[in-house]
Each structure stands twice: as structure tokens, then as C-alpha cells.
Amino acid sequence: MKKIKNKITAKDAKVLNVSFREYYANFLKNKPKELKSYKRQVIAAFNKTHDIAAFLEGLKTIAMAERKVSDIAKSAGLERSTVYKLLSKEANPSFYNVSSIIKNLGISLTAHIN
């Protein structure tokens, strides 16, 4: 596989014939600082926009970077295919399922009164 540089683009992913998400998840795999920063960005974006689809897409990238989705599914007590469906932008997952997944990704949710 081509060495991944710090600045990545969709063009780089196209050269490798993978989706940008797969490419970026691969980039984050052995970079704990960058992965932690990406987690913060996903959460901050959700807190600002409340865009569930974008949040789920971000969680999917995190899941792919952290470990195999099948491992996360097993830890969360869900089927692998269910996790993929839950983390798609078309999904409308239950709070329970999302909280099970994010707990296994090392993320916690906190509610605040506005």
C-alpha cells in the first residue's frame, strides 16, 4: 500500500481504489493523537449542527479506524451488519444502539441544560 502522508485527499483515495472513509480510517489507525482529535471534531460538529447523519458517518470512520466493526458489534451485543446499518447516513438508530456503539468506541455522551 502507498505510504500515507499527513495531508490526504480524495484523489489519494481514488488512486488506491478505496472510499475516502476507508482511506482516512486507515490513516488514523496507528495515530492515536489524530484519532482522538478526529473524535473531538465529530462530537463538536454534532454539538454545533445536530446533524445525526454526519455524526453517524463520523462514528463509522472512528469504528473503522479503531478496530474491526465486527469486534465493535460483538462488544455492543449487535450483529456486524446491524452496526453498518446503524452507522449509515440513512439510519434512524435507537438511542440505546448508538450509546452501545459509542461506549465501545471510547466516547461518552453528556447532556446539558441550555
PDB file of N, CA and C in Angstrom:
ATOM      1  N   MET A   1       0.842  -1.183   0.000  1.00  0.00           N
ATOM      2  CA  MET A   1       0.000   0.000   0.000  1.00  0.00           C
ATOM      3  C   MET A   1       0.884   1.241   0.000  1.00  0.00           C
ATOM      4  N   LYS A   2       0.465   2.236  -0.722  1.00  0.00           N
ATOM      5  CA  LYS A   2       1.170   3.509  -0.808  1.00  0.00           C
ATOM      6  C   LYS A   2       1.283   4.139   0.577  1.00  0.00           C
ATOM      7  N   LYS A   3       2.471   4.707   0.898  1.00  0.00           N
ATOM      8  CA  LYS A   3       2.657   5.350   2.188  1.00  0.00           C
ATOM      9  C   LYS A   3       1.714   6.536   2.311  1.00  0.00           C
ATOM     10  N   ILE A   4       1.022   6.620   3.434  1.00  0.00           N
ATOM     11  CA  ILE A   4       0.056   7.689   3.650  1.00  0.00           C
ATOM     12  C   ILE A   4       0.775   8.885   4.247  1.00  0.00           C
ATOM     13  N   LYS A   5       0.613  10.025   3.611  1.00  0.00           N
ATOM     14  CA  LYS A   5       1.217  11.259   4.099  1.00  0.00           C
ATOM     15  C   LYS A   5       0.243  11.961   5.032  1.00  0.00           C
ATOM     16  N   ASN A   6       0.696  13.020   5.690  1.00  0.00           N
ATOM     17  CA  ASN A   6      -0.152  13.722   6.646  1.00  0.00           C
ATOM     18  C   ASN A   6      -1.324  14.433   5.991  1.00  0.00           C
ATOM     19  N   LYS A   7      -1.128  14.993   4.808  1.00  0.00           N
ATOM     20  CA  LYS A   7      -2.228  15.664   4.111  1.00  0.00           C
ATOM     21  C   LYS A   7      -2.819  14.682   3.109  1.00  0.00           C
ATOM     22  N   ILE A   8      -4.065  14.306   3.316  1.00  0.00           N
ATOM     23  CA  ILE A   8      -4.686  13.326   2.433  1.00  0.00           C
ATOM     24  C   ILE A   8      -5.827  13.965   1.671  1.00  0.00           C
ATOM     25  N   THR A   9      -6.075  13.441   0.515  1.00  0.00           N
ATOM     26  CA  THR A   9      -7.132  13.984  -0.338  1.00  0.00           C
ATOM     27  C   THR A   9      -7.976  12.858  -0.914  1.00  0.00           C
ATOM     28  N   ALA A  10      -9.108  13.221  -1.452  1.00  0.00           N
ATOM     29  CA  ALA A  10      -9.971  12.246  -2.121  1.00  0.00           C
ATOM     30  C   ALA A  10      -9.246  11.647  -3.322  1.00  0.00           C
ATOM     31  N   LYS A  11      -8.398  12.445  -3.965  1.00  0.00           N
ATOM     32  CA  LYS A  11      -7.625  11.956  -5.111  1.00  0.00           C
ATOM     33  C   LYS A  11      -6.711  10.804  -4.688  1.00  0.00           C
ATOM     34  N   ASP A  12      -6.089  10.920  -3.505  1.00  0.00           N
ATOM     35  CA  ASP A  12      -5.232   9.846  -2.994  1.00  0.00           C
ATOM     36  C   ASP A  12      -6.034   8.556  -2.823  1.00  0.00           C
ATOM     37  N   ALA A  13      -7.240   8.676  -2.296  1.00  0.00           N
ATOM     38  CA  ALA A  13      -8.093   7.505  -2.096  1.00  0.00           C
ATOM     39  C   ALA A  13      -8.461   6.882  -3.436  1.00  0.00           C
ATOM     40  N   LYS A  14      -8.740   7.724  -4.415  1.00  0.00           N
ATOM     41  CA  LYS A  14      -9.121   7.226  -5.740  1.00  0.00           C
ATOM     42  C   LYS A  14      -7.983   6.428  -6.372  1.00  0.00           C
ATOM     43  N   VAL A  15      -6.742   6.906  -6.187  1.00  0.00           N
ATOM     44  CA  VAL A  15      -5.568   6.197  -6.722  1.00  0.00           C
ATOM     45  C   VAL A  15      -5.496   4.790  -6.137  1.00  0.00           C
ATOM     46  N   LEU A  16      -5.843   4.658  -4.860  1.00  0.00           N
ATOM     47  CA  LEU A  16      -5.797   3.360  -4.193  1.00  0.00           C
ATOM     48  C   LEU A  16      -7.076   2.547  -4.388  1.00  0.00           C
ATOM     49  N   ASN A  17      -8.064   3.120  -5.054  1.00  0.00           N
ATOM     50  CA  ASN A  17      -9.335   2.453  -5.334  1.00  0.00           C
ATOM     51  C   ASN A  17     -10.081   2.055  -4.060  1.00  0.00           C
ATOM     52  N   VAL A  18     -10.132   2.973  -3.096  1.00  0.00           N
ATOM     53  CA  VAL A  18     -10.897   2.769  -1.871  1.00  0.00           C
ATOM     54  C   VAL A  18     -11.721   4.023  -1.616  1.00  0.00           C
ATOM     55  N   SER A  19     -12.719   3.909  -0.761  1.00  0.00           N
ATOM     56  CA  SER A  19     -13.508   5.085  -0.416  1.00  0.00           C
ATOM     57  C   SER A  19     -12.660   6.021   0.436  1.00  0.00           C
ATOM     58  N   PHE A  20     -13.017   7.284   0.443  1.00  0.00           N
ATOM     59  CA  PHE A  20     -12.266   8.239   1.255  1.00  0.00           C
ATOM     60  C   PHE A  20     -12.354   7.851   2.722  1.00  0.00           C
ATOM     61  N   ARG A  21     -13.523   7.365   3.164  1.00  0.00           N
ATOM     62  CA  ARG A  21     -13.669   6.948   4.565  1.00  0.00           C
ATOM     63  C   ARG A  21     -12.677   5.844   4.901  1.00  0.00           C
ATOM     64  N   GLU A  22     -12.591   4.823   4.034  1.00  0.00           N
ATOM     65  CA  GLU A  22     -11.647   3.732   4.273  1.00  0.00           C
ATOM     66  C   GLU A  22     -10.217   4.259   4.318  1.00  0.00           C
ATOM     67  N   TYR A  23      -9.918   5.151   3.409  1.00  0.00           N
ATOM     68  CA  TYR A  23      -8.570   5.724   3.328  1.00  0.00           C
ATOM     69  C   TYR A  23      -8.259   6.510   4.600  1.00  0.00           C
ATOM     70  N   TYR A  24      -9.199   7.351   5.034  1.00  0.00           N
ATOM     71  CA  TYR A  24      -8.969   8.166   6.218  1.00  0.00           C
ATOM     72  C   TYR A  24      -8.919   7.296   7.475  1.00  0.00           C
ATOM     73  N   ALA A  25      -9.776   6.292   7.559  1.00  0.00           N
ATOM     74  CA  ALA A  25      -9.754   5.377   8.704  1.00  0.00           C
ATOM     75  C   ALA A  25      -8.402   4.664   8.773  1.00  0.00           C
ATOM     76  N   ASN A  26      -7.896   4.253   7.627  1.00  0.00           N
ATOM     77  CA  ASN A  26      -6.576   3.622   7.575  1.00  0.00           C
ATOM     78  C   ASN A  26      -5.503   4.585   8.047  1.00  0.00           C
ATOM     79  N   PHE A  27      -5.613   5.838   7.626  1.00  0.00           N
ATOM     80  CA  PHE A  27      -4.671   6.881   8.035  1.00  0.00           C
ATOM     81  C   PHE A  27      -4.672   7.032   9.557  1.00  0.00           C
ATOM     82  N   LEU A  28      -5.856   6.960  10.181  1.00  0.00           N
ATOM     83  CA  LEU A  28      -5.992   7.168  11.620  1.00  0.00           C
ATOM     84  C   LEU A  28      -5.610   5.949  12.463  1.00  0.00           C
ATOM     85  N   LYS A  29      -5.558   4.764  11.845  1.00  0.00           N
ATOM     86  CA  LYS A  29      -5.376   3.506  12.575  1.00  0.00           C
ATOM     87  C   LYS A  29      -4.250   3.518  13.609  1.00  0.00           C
ATOM     88  N   ASN A  30      -3.078   3.930  13.246  1.00  0.00           N
ATOM     89  CA  ASN A  30      -1.937   3.880  14.162  1.00  0.00           C
ATOM     90  C   ASN A  30      -1.486   5.269  14.583  1.00  0.00           C
ATOM     91  N   LYS A  31      -2.433   6.184  14.633  1.00  0.00           N
ATOM     92  CA  LYS A  31      -2.146   7.554  15.022  1.00  0.00           C
ATOM     93  C   LYS A  31      -3.131   7.974  16.116  1.00  0.00           C
ATOM     94  N   PRO A  32      -2.868   7.563  17.364  1.00  0.00           N
ATOM     95  CA  PRO A  32      -3.823   7.825  18.445  1.00  0.00           C
ATOM     96  C   PRO A  32      -4.134   9.302  18.667  1.00  0.00           C
ATOM     97  N   LYS A  33      -3.156  10.177  18.500  1.00  0.00           N
ATOM     98  CA  LYS A  33      -3.416  11.612  18.701  1.00  0.00           C
ATOM     99  C   LYS A  33      -4.374  12.143  17.644  1.00  0.00           C
ATOM    100  N   GLU A  34      -4.145  11.751  16.400  1.00  0.00           N
ATOM    101  CA  GLU A  34      -5.011  12.199  15.315  1.00  0.00           C
ATOM    102  C   GLU A  34      -6.419  11.626  15.452  1.00  0.00           C
ATOM    103  N   LEU A  35      -6.496  10.344  15.890  1.00  0.00           N
ATOM    104  CA  LEU A  35      -7.801   9.712  16.087  1.00  0.00           C
ATOM    105  C   LEU A  35      -8.574  10.419  17.198  1.00  0.00           C
ATOM    106  N   LYS A  36      -7.892  10.737  18.288  1.00  0.00           N
ATOM    107  CA  LYS A  36      -8.546  11.445  19.390  1.00  0.00           C
ATOM    108  C   LYS A  36      -9.032  12.823  18.923  1.00  0.00           C
ATOM    109  N   SER A  37      -8.214  13.494  18.135  1.00  0.00           N
ATOM    110  CA  SER A  37      -8.585  14.800  17.592  1.00  0.00           C
ATOM    111  C   SER A  37      -9.809  14.664  16.683  1.00  0.00           C
ATOM    112  N   TYR A  38      -9.838  13.614  15.853  1.00  0.00           N
ATOM    113  CA  TYR A  38     -10.980  13.392  14.965  1.00  0.00           C
ATOM    114  C   TYR A  38     -12.250  13.123  15.769  1.00  0.00           C
ATOM    115  N   LYS A  39     -12.136  12.343  16.850  1.00  0.00           N
ATOM    116  CA  LYS A  39     -13.294  12.088  17.714  1.00  0.00           C
ATOM    117  C   LYS A  39     -13.851  13.412  18.239  1.00  0.00           C
ATOM    118  N   ARG A  40     -12.946  14.279  18.702  1.00  0.00           N
ATOM    119  CA  ARG A  40     -13.377  15.581  19.218  1.00  0.00           C
ATOM    120  C   ARG A  40     -14.072  16.403  18.133  1.00  0.00           C
ATOM    121  N   GLN A  41     -13.533  16.356  16.911  1.00  0.00           N
ATOM    122  CA  GLN A  41     -14.130  17.104  15.802  1.00  0.00           C
ATOM    123  C   GLN A  41     -15.534  16.598  15.487  1.00  0.00           C
ATOM    124  N   VAL A  42     -15.707  15.278  15.486  1.00  0.00           N
ATOM    125  CA  VAL A  42     -17.022  14.686  15.199  1.00  0.00           C
ATOM    126  C   VAL A  42     -18.031  15.116  16.254  1.00  0.00           C
ATOM    127  N   ILE A  43     -17.626  15.062  17.513  1.00  0.00           N
ATOM    128  CA  ILE A  43     -18.520  15.440  18.612  1.00  0.00           C
ATOM    129  C   ILE A  43     -18.831  16.938  18.566  1.00  0.00           C
ATOM    130  N   ALA A  44     -17.805  17.758  18.336  1.00  0.00           N
ATOM    131  CA  ALA A  44     -18.005  19.212  18.266  1.00  0.00           C
ATOM    132  C   ALA A  44     -18.937  19.578  17.117  1.00  0.00           C
ATOM    133  N   ALA A  45     -18.760  18.932  15.974  1.00  0.00           N
ATOM    134  CA  ALA A  45     -19.621  19.209  14.827  1.00  0.00           C
ATOM    135  C   ALA A  45     -21.060  18.824  15.143  1.00  0.00           C
ATOM    136  N   PHE A  46     -21.248  17.686  15.816  1.00  0.00           N
ATOM    137  CA  PHE A  46     -22.610  17.267  16.172  1.00  0.00           C
ATOM    138  C   PHE A  46     -23.234  18.250  17.160  1.00  0.00           C
ATOM    139  N   ASN A  47     -22.457  18.678  18.161  1.00  0.00           N
ATOM    140  CA  ASN A  47     -22.980  19.628  19.148  1.00  0.00           C
ATOM    141  C   ASN A  47     -23.379  20.950  18.500  1.00  0.00           C
ATOM    142  N   LYS A  48     -22.687  21.316  17.442  1.00  0.00           N
ATOM    143  CA  LYS A  48     -22.970  22.577  16.758  1.00  0.00           C
ATOM    144  C   LYS A  48     -24.134  22.458  15.776  1.00  0.00           C
ATOM    145  N   THR A  49     -24.144  21.378  14.989  1.00  0.00           N
ATOM    146  CA  THR A  49     -25.132  21.257  13.909  1.00  0.00           C
ATOM    147  C   THR A  49     -26.310  20.336  14.219  1.00  0.00           C
ATOM    148  N   HIS A  50     -26.131  19.418  15.157  1.00  0.00           N
ATOM    149  CA  HIS A  50     -27.138  18.395  15.480  1.00  0.00           C
ATOM    150  C   HIS A  50     -27.485  17.542  14.265  1.00  0.00           C
ATOM    151  N   ASP A  51     -26.515  17.386  13.380  1.00  0.00           N
ATOM    152  CA  ASP A  51     -26.692  16.593  12.156  1.00  0.00           C
ATOM    153  C   ASP A  51     -26.399  15.124  12.467  1.00  0.00           C
ATOM    154  N   ILE A  52     -27.456  14.361  12.682  1.00  0.00           N
ATOM    155  CA  ILE A  52     -27.328  12.947  13.042  1.00  0.00           C
ATOM    156  C   ILE A  52     -26.612  12.155  11.953  1.00  0.00           C
ATOM    157  N   ALA A  53     -26.939  12.402  10.693  1.00  0.00           N
ATOM    158  CA  ALA A  53     -26.322  11.653   9.589  1.00  0.00           C
ATOM    159  C   ALA A  53     -24.804  11.850   9.588  1.00  0.00           C
ATOM    160  N   ALA A  54     -24.361  13.088   9.735  1.00  0.00           N
ATOM    161  CA  ALA A  54     -22.920  13.360   9.754  1.00  0.00           C
ATOM    162  C   ALA A  54     -22.269  12.728  10.987  1.00  0.00           C
ATOM    163  N   PHE A  55     -22.964  12.757  12.117  1.00  0.00           N
ATOM    164  CA  PHE A  55     -22.451  12.147  13.346  1.00  0.00           C
ATOM    165  C   PHE A  55     -22.265  10.641  13.156  1.00  0.00           C
ATOM    166  N   LEU A  56     -23.257   9.984  12.573  1.00  0.00           N
ATOM    167  CA  LEU A  56     -23.160   8.541  12.347  1.00  0.00           C
ATOM    168  C   LEU A  56     -22.045   8.205  11.360  1.00  0.00           C
ATOM    169  N   GLU A  57     -21.889   9.019  10.333  1.00  0.00           N
ATOM    170  CA  GLU A  57     -20.806   8.809   9.368  1.00  0.00           C
ATOM    171  C   GLU A  57     -19.452   8.952  10.066  1.00  0.00           C
ATOM    172  N   GLY A  58     -19.337   9.949  10.937  1.00  0.00           N
ATOM    173  CA  GLY A  58     -18.105  10.133  11.702  1.00  0.00           C
ATOM    174  C   GLY A  58     -17.822   8.953  12.609  1.00  0.00           C
ATOM    175  N   LEU A  59     -18.866   8.444  13.268  1.00  0.00           N
ATOM    176  CA  LEU A  59     -18.700   7.265  14.130  1.00  0.00           C
ATOM    177  C   LEU A  59     -18.247   6.053  13.322  1.00  0.00           C
ATOM    178  N   LYS A  60     -18.751   5.935  12.114  1.00  0.00           N
ATOM    179  CA  LYS A  60     -18.351   4.813  11.259  1.00  0.00           C
ATOM    180  C   LYS A  60     -16.862   4.896  10.935  1.00  0.00           C
ATOM    181  N   THR A  61     -16.378   6.085  10.628  1.00  0.00           N
ATOM    182  CA  THR A  61     -14.952   6.266  10.351  1.00  0.00           C
ATOM    183  C   THR A  61     -14.128   5.919  11.592  1.00  0.00           C
ATOM    184  N   ILE A  62     -14.589   6.371  12.755  1.00  0.00           N
ATOM    185  CA  ILE A  62     -13.902   6.067  14.010  1.00  0.00           C
ATOM    186  C   ILE A  62     -13.875   4.560  14.248  1.00  0.00           C
ATOM    187  N   ALA A  63     -15.020   3.917  14.034  1.00  0.00           N
ATOM    188  CA  ALA A  63     -15.108   2.466  14.227  1.00  0.00           C
ATOM    189  C   ALA A  63     -14.119   1.734  13.326  1.00  0.00           C
ATOM    190  N   MET A  64     -14.034   2.158  12.077  1.00  0.00           N
ATOM    191  CA  MET A  64     -13.126   1.507  11.134  1.00  0.00           C
ATOM    192  C   MET A  64     -11.667   1.757  11.509  1.00  0.00           C
ATOM    193  N   ALA A  65     -11.381   2.915  12.096  1.00  0.00           N
ATOM    194  CA  ALA A  65     -10.010   3.246  12.482  1.00  0.00           C
ATOM    195  C   ALA A  65      -9.590   2.527  13.757  1.00  0.00           C
ATOM    196  N   GLU A  66     -10.519   2.368  14.692  1.00  0.00           N
ATOM    197  CA  GLU A  66     -10.193   1.781  15.987  1.00  0.00           C
ATOM    198  C   GLU A  66      -9.961   0.279  15.915  1.00  0.00           C
ATOM    199  N   ARG A  67     -10.847  -0.397  15.276  1.00  0.00           N
ATOM    200  CA  ARG A  67     -10.756  -1.855  15.173  1.00  0.00           C
ATOM    201  C   ARG A  67     -11.792  -2.340  14.186  1.00  0.00           C
ATOM    202  N   LYS A  68     -11.890  -3.629  14.039  1.00  0.00           N
ATOM    203  CA  LYS A  68     -12.864  -4.179  13.107  1.00  0.00           C
ATOM    204  C   LYS A  68     -14.275  -3.916  13.602  1.00  0.00           C
ATOM    205  N   VAL A  69     -15.152  -3.601  12.673  1.00  0.00           N
ATOM    206  CA  VAL A  69     -16.546  -3.346  13.018  1.00  0.00           C
ATOM    207  C   VAL A  69     -17.168  -4.585  13.657  1.00  0.00           C
ATOM    208  N   SER A  70     -16.730  -5.760  13.234  1.00  0.00           N
ATOM    209  CA  SER A  70     -17.272  -6.996  13.825  1.00  0.00           C
ATOM    210  C   SER A  70     -16.919  -7.089  15.320  1.00  0.00           C
ATOM    211  N   ASP A  71     -15.741  -6.600  15.717  1.00  0.00           N
ATOM    212  CA  ASP A  71     -15.362  -6.596  17.135  1.00  0.00           C
ATOM    213  C   ASP A  71     -16.230  -5.632  17.934  1.00  0.00           C
ATOM    214  N   ILE A  72     -16.495  -4.477  17.340  1.00  0.00           N
ATOM    215  CA  ILE A  72     -17.345  -3.484  17.995  1.00  0.00           C
ATOM    216  C   ILE A  72     -18.762  -4.025  18.133  1.00  0.00           C
ATOM    217  N   ALA A  73     -19.245  -4.673  17.082  1.00  0.00           N
ATOM    218  CA  ALA A  73     -20.586  -5.259  17.117  1.00  0.00           C
ATOM    219  C   ALA A  73     -20.686  -6.290  18.232  1.00  0.00           C
ATOM    220  N   LYS A  74     -19.686  -7.151  18.320  1.00  0.00           N
ATOM    221  CA  LYS A  74     -19.691  -8.193  19.352  1.00  0.00           C
ATOM    222  C   LYS A  74     -19.694  -7.569  20.740  1.00  0.00           C
ATOM    223  N   SER A  75     -18.844  -6.547  20.957  1.00  0.00           N
ATOM    224  CA  SER A  75     -18.782  -5.866  22.256  1.00  0.00           C
ATOM    225  C   SER A  75     -20.098  -5.182  22.608  1.00  0.00           C
ATOM    226  N   ALA A  76     -20.778  -4.661  21.587  1.00  0.00           N
ATOM    227  CA  ALA A  76     -22.042  -3.952  21.804  1.00  0.00           C
ATOM    228  C   ALA A  76     -23.237  -4.898  21.841  1.00  0.00           C
ATOM    229  N   GLY A  77     -23.009  -6.179  21.562  1.00  0.00           N
ATOM    230  CA  GLY A  77     -24.100  -7.146  21.557  1.00  0.00           C
ATOM    231  C   GLY A  77     -24.990  -7.026  20.332  1.00  0.00           C
ATOM    232  N   LEU A  78     -24.394  -6.616  19.197  1.00  0.00           N
ATOM    233  CA  LEU A  78     -25.151  -6.429  17.961  1.00  0.00           C
ATOM    234  C   LEU A  78     -24.515  -7.235  16.837  1.00  0.00           C
ATOM    235  N   GLU A  79     -25.263  -7.454  15.776  1.00  0.00           N
ATOM    236  CA  GLU A  79     -24.727  -8.106  14.584  1.00  0.00           C
ATOM    237  C   GLU A  79     -23.875  -7.100  13.815  1.00  0.00           C
ATOM    238  N   ARG A  80     -22.845  -7.573  13.115  1.00  0.00           N
ATOM    239  CA  ARG A  80     -21.968  -6.704  12.326  1.00  0.00           C
ATOM    240  C   ARG A  80     -22.768  -5.912  11.300  1.00  0.00           C
ATOM    241  N   SER A  81     -23.667  -6.590  10.599  1.00  0.00           N
ATOM    242  CA  SER A  81     -24.480  -5.905   9.581  1.00  0.00           C
ATOM    243  C   SER A  81     -25.355  -4.826  10.212  1.00  0.00           C
ATOM    244  N   THR A  82     -25.801  -5.065  11.439  1.00  0.00           N
ATOM    245  CA  THR A  82     -26.619  -4.079  12.146  1.00  0.00           C
ATOM    246  C   THR A  82     -25.803  -2.823  12.434  1.00  0.00           C
ATOM    247  N   VAL A  83     -24.553  -3.007  12.846  1.00  0.00           N
ATOM    248  CA  VAL A  83     -23.692  -1.854  13.136  1.00  0.00           C
ATOM    249  C   VAL A  83     -23.474  -1.043  11.866  1.00  0.00           C
ATOM    250  N   TYR A  84     -23.195  -1.714  10.752  1.00  0.00           N
ATOM    251  CA  TYR A  84     -23.021  -0.992   9.489  1.00  0.00           C
ATOM    252  C   TYR A  84     -24.281  -0.210   9.131  1.00  0.00           C
ATOM    253  N   LYS A  85     -25.440  -0.825   9.320  1.00  0.00           N
ATOM    254  CA  LYS A  85     -26.699  -0.136   9.010  1.00  0.00           C
ATOM    255  C   LYS A  85     -26.923   1.047   9.955  1.00  0.00           C
ATOM    256  N   LEU A  86     -26.626   0.844  11.240  1.00  0.00           N
ATOM    257  CA  LEU A  86     -26.822   1.906  12.224  1.00  0.00           C
ATOM    258  C   LEU A  86     -25.928   3.109  11.965  1.00  0.00           C
ATOM    259  N   LEU A  87     -24.758   2.860  11.391  1.00  0.00           N
ATOM    260  CA  LEU A  87     -23.798   3.935  11.170  1.00  0.00           C
ATOM    261  C   LEU A  87     -23.844   4.487   9.743  1.00  0.00           C
ATOM    262  N   SER A  88     -24.949   4.283   9.068  1.00  0.00           N
ATOM    263  CA  SER A  88     -25.089   4.852   7.731  1.00  0.00           C
ATOM    264  C   SER A  88     -25.888   6.149   7.838  1.00  0.00           C
ATOM    265  N   LYS A  89     -25.714   7.029   6.853  1.00  0.00           N
ATOM    266  CA  LYS A  89     -26.407   8.314   6.925  1.00  0.00           C
ATOM    267  C   LYS A  89     -27.914   8.179   6.758  1.00  0.00           C
ATOM    268  N   GLU A  90     -28.391   7.042   6.268  1.00  0.00           N
ATOM    269  CA  GLU A  90     -29.827   6.827   6.115  1.00  0.00           C
ATOM    270  C   GLU A  90     -30.466   6.235   7.367  1.00  0.00           C
ATOM    271  N   ALA A  91     -29.649   5.913   8.345  1.00  0.00           N
ATOM    272  CA  ALA A  91     -30.138   5.208   9.534  1.00  0.00           C
ATOM    273  C   ALA A  91     -30.948   6.116  10.455  1.00  0.00           C
ATOM    274  N   ASN A  92     -31.770   5.477  11.238  1.00  0.00           N
ATOM    275  CA  ASN A  92     -32.507   6.151  12.299  1.00  0.00           C
ATOM    276  C   ASN A  92     -32.418   5.231  13.528  1.00  0.00           C
ATOM    277  N   PRO A  93     -31.197   5.104  14.088  1.00  0.00           N
ATOM    278  CA  PRO A  93     -30.993   4.133  15.166  1.00  0.00           C
ATOM    279  C   PRO A  93     -31.599   4.579  16.485  1.00  0.00           C
ATOM    280  N   SER A  94     -31.848   3.604  17.332  1.00  0.00           N
ATOM    281  CA  SER A  94     -32.342   3.916  18.669  1.00  0.00           C
ATOM    282  C   SER A  94     -31.196   4.499  19.492  1.00  0.00           C
ATOM    283  N   PHE A  95     -31.554   5.257  20.507  1.00  0.00           N
ATOM    284  CA  PHE A  95     -30.542   5.832  21.393  1.00  0.00           C
ATOM    285  C   PHE A  95     -29.741   4.720  22.056  1.00  0.00           C
ATOM    286  N   TYR A  96     -30.408   3.650  22.423  1.00  0.00           N
ATOM    287  CA  TYR A  96     -29.727   2.520  23.065  1.00  0.00           C
ATOM    288  C   TYR A  96     -28.622   1.960  22.169  1.00  0.00           C
ATOM    289  N   ASN A  97     -28.928   1.742  20.893  1.00  0.00           N
ATOM    290  CA  ASN A  97     -27.933   1.185  19.989  1.00  0.00           C
ATOM    291  C   ASN A  97     -26.767   2.142  19.766  1.00  0.00           C
ATOM    292  N   VAL A  98     -27.058   3.432  19.595  1.00  0.00           N
ATOM    293  CA  VAL A  98     -25.984   4.412  19.409  1.00  0.00           C
ATOM    294  C   VAL A  98     -25.120   4.472  20.658  1.00  0.00           C
ATOM    295  N   SER A  99     -25.747   4.494  21.835  1.00  0.00           N
ATOM    296  CA  SER A  99     -24.963   4.568  23.069  1.00  0.00           C
ATOM    297  C   SER A  99     -24.118   3.322  23.271  1.00  0.00           C
ATOM    298  N   SER A 100     -24.611   2.159  22.852  1.00  0.00           N
ATOM    299  CA  SER A 100     -23.813   0.924  22.942  1.00  0.00           C
ATOM    300  C   SER A 100     -22.580   1.001  22.053  1.00  0.00           C
ATOM    301  N   ILE A 101     -22.761   1.548  20.866  1.00  0.00           N
ATOM    302  CA  ILE A 101     -21.643   1.651  19.924  1.00  0.00           C
ATOM    303  C   ILE A 101     -20.626   2.680  20.399  1.00  0.00           C
ATOM    304  N   ILE A 102     -21.087   3.867  20.784  1.00  0.00           N
ATOM    305  CA  ILE A 102     -20.122   4.898  21.162  1.00  0.00           C
ATOM    306  C   ILE A 102     -19.373   4.520  22.439  1.00  0.00           C
ATOM    307  N   LYS A 103     -20.039   3.812  23.328  1.00  0.00           N
ATOM    308  CA  LYS A 103     -19.359   3.339  24.546  1.00  0.00           C
ATOM    309  C   LYS A 103     -18.185   2.448  24.152  1.00  0.00           C
ATOM    310  N   ASN A 104     -18.368   1.612  23.160  1.00  0.00           N
ATOM    311  CA  ASN A 104     -17.316   0.709  22.704  1.00  0.00           C
ATOM    312  C   ASN A 104     -16.260   1.411  21.855  1.00  0.00           C
ATOM    313  N   LEU A 105     -16.493   2.657  21.499  1.00  0.00           N
ATOM    314  CA  LEU A 105     -15.512   3.463  20.774  1.00  0.00           C
ATOM    315  C   LEU A 105     -14.773   4.421  21.709  1.00  0.00           C
ATOM    316  N   GLY A 106     -15.041   4.299  23.004  1.00  0.00           N
ATOM    317  CA  GLY A 106     -14.359   5.146  23.965  1.00  0.00           C
ATOM    318  C   GLY A 106     -14.885   6.571  23.998  1.00  0.00           C
ATOM    319  N   ILE A 107     -16.158   6.727  23.665  1.00  0.00           N
ATOM    320  CA  ILE A 107     -16.792   8.053  23.658  1.00  0.00           C
ATOM    321  C   ILE A 107     -17.931   8.032  24.660  1.00  0.00           C
ATOM    322  N   SER A 108     -18.086   9.114  25.390  1.00  0.00           N
ATOM    323  CA  SER A 108     -19.240   9.197  26.302  1.00  0.00           C
ATOM    324  C   SER A 108     -20.048  10.442  25.957  1.00  0.00           C
ATOM    325  N   LEU A 109     -21.328  10.357  26.180  1.00  0.00           N
ATOM    326  CA  LEU A 109     -22.229  11.480  25.927  1.00  0.00           C
ATOM    327  C   LEU A 109     -22.583  12.144  27.243  1.00  0.00           C
ATOM    328  N   THR A 110     -22.694  13.458  27.199  1.00  0.00           N
ATOM    329  CA  THR A 110     -23.095  14.223  28.365  1.00  0.00           C
ATOM    330  C   THR A 110     -24.204  15.168  27.933  1.00  0.00           C
ATOM    331  N   ALA A 111     -25.248  15.244  28.716  1.00  0.00           N
ATOM    332  CA  ALA A 111     -26.350  16.148  28.413  1.00  0.00           C
ATOM    333  C   ALA A 111     -26.228  17.403  29.277  1.00  0.00           C
ATOM    334  N   HIS A 112     -26.569  18.543  28.678  1.00  0.00           N
ATOM    335  CA  HIS A 112     -26.542  19.825  29.389  1.00  0.00           C
ATOM    336  C   HIS A 112     -27.864  20.534  29.179  1.00  0.00           C
ATOM    337  N   ILE A 113     -28.263  21.302  30.159  1.00  0.00           N
ATOM    338  CA  ILE A 113     -29.455  22.121  30.025  1.00  0.00           C
ATOM    339  C   ILE A 113     -29.043  23.427  29.379  1.00  0.00           C
ATOM    340  N   ASN A 114     -29.740  23.812  28.310  1.00  0.00           N
ATOM    341  CA  ASN A 114     -29.425  25.080  27.631  1.00  0.00           C
ATOM    342  C   ASN A 114     -30.096  26.232  28.308  1.00  0.00           C
TER     343      ASN A 114
END
